Each structure stands twice: as structure tokens, then as C-alpha cells.
Amino acid sequence: MRTIDALRPRWVAAAMVLASMHLSGCVSTVDGTAVRGHGSVLFDVPPLDEAHLDRILLPIEQINTIVGSTRMEVTSEVDEMTDHSAEVSAPDCLGAVYGAEAPVYEGTDWIAVRDQVAREPGTDNDHWVEQVAVLYPEAQNARDFFDDSKATWQDCANNAIVVGDGEYLWELDDVVVGDDLITQVTTQEGADGWACQHALSLVSNLTVEAWACGYTITDEAVQIVDAMVANAAG
């Protein structure tokens, strides 16, 4: 089971949560949900099932390439939701700072989840990445979760969230909103610029989410969710 320490190697070390990839491929016509990838490729994606989930997450080699590292390794993989709502000063903003949280997905009828964390070894790592893929019974469930998350992130924007025992303060920026993508940058106070880009997208009956954290983060989380969407369409 995932613990808060597994989620926040840089929170504990006082520096945690936060190469453009152009998606390419052919347009096909199948029964399913049409989704435009952020690289301007139109995907017609039929409903997915749990057997598809393990192909959605990016391999560690691809994560290393996106964030500009060569040493990141997977440190946590779980297939269940957790609950860290007691660890944040504003529980209503839990979904803006944590992934795969049971209270955030309550009422969505989600049926399966994959959650993976990767970073460089040791306590002084330069990057931290989380990928989350959540499957629902219908595409409308995914859309409803996306829309609810957009409203929540916007409500929490330009606020400071305390995590843990009060020693970690995270400042949430404005939310950048698109039809099938929302992003937000979160910066840890007093951590020499350590920040995370948080991105959420959807495809068919699936939502995909990523946090890309480091000292020079730009659009890495967007690249990760774009690639996850492409994997779902492949």
C-alpha cells in the first residue's frame, strides 16, 4: 500500500511535488470516443478494459527522456486508491496535490487504477514523476471526473496548501484549461524553486494524470499525459 513517504520523497527532503512530444499516427474509424490528442492527431478510441491499463503507463526509459534524466527508477507501483485527506490543510483541494485518492474518486464508479512513482535513487533526487490511469465503466464517467476536477483545481488556484505536519507549504498557480487537458503548476515554498506541473486528460472511458517535479519543470507533465493518451489509442 502506498504511504505518504512513498509519495513525497521531495516533501520529506524539502524539495518534492512538480522535449515536446508530437503525437503522430493515422486516423481510423471505429466505434468509440473521438479524442483529439494535444499533438493534433484525432483518435477514435473504443471503450477500454482493465487489461489495457498496464500499457497506458510510460516505461521508465521514456520518463527519463521526457524529464532529461538517465537515472530515474520506479519506486512505487500500486493498483488501489489511498487516502491522505488528513495530511492536507484543505481537504477539498486533495485532488490538486495528490493522485489516486479515494475521496477524490468517490462517486465516480471507477473500476480500476494504476499508480506509479519514479525518481532518481537517494534522497537528493532531481526529478519526481507520478503517473495515474483510472478506468471507468463509461466515457461519460471519465468526462464527469475531468469536469469536476477542472472546477476543483480552479477553486484551489492561487492558494497555499499545507501538507504533512505543517512544515511543507505548496503554492498553487492558475489553472490552464483546454477541452481535454487541464494543467497547474505547484511550487514548494523555501525549496529553491522545486515545483511540479500537474496535468490531467481523458480518452474514452479513461482519465490519465501526471505530476512532473523538479527545479526546471516546463511542460513535462503534459508530454507524459499526451503519451499516455497515445498509448490508450494504440
Foldseek 3Di string as FASTA:
>chain_A
DDDVCLVFLCVVVVFGFAPFDQDDDDEDDDPFDWDQFPNRDIFGFHADDPVLVVLLADDPVVLCVLVVHDAKDWDDKDKAADAQLVFKPDSLLCVVGDPRHCVLCPPLQWDIKIKIKMFGDDSPTFKIKMKMKIFHPWQVSVVVSVVVNLVSLQVCAQHWMAGGPRPWIKHKHHWDDDPFKIWIKIFIPPRQQWIWIKMWGDGTRMIMIMIMIGRDGDCSRSSRRSSSNVSSRD
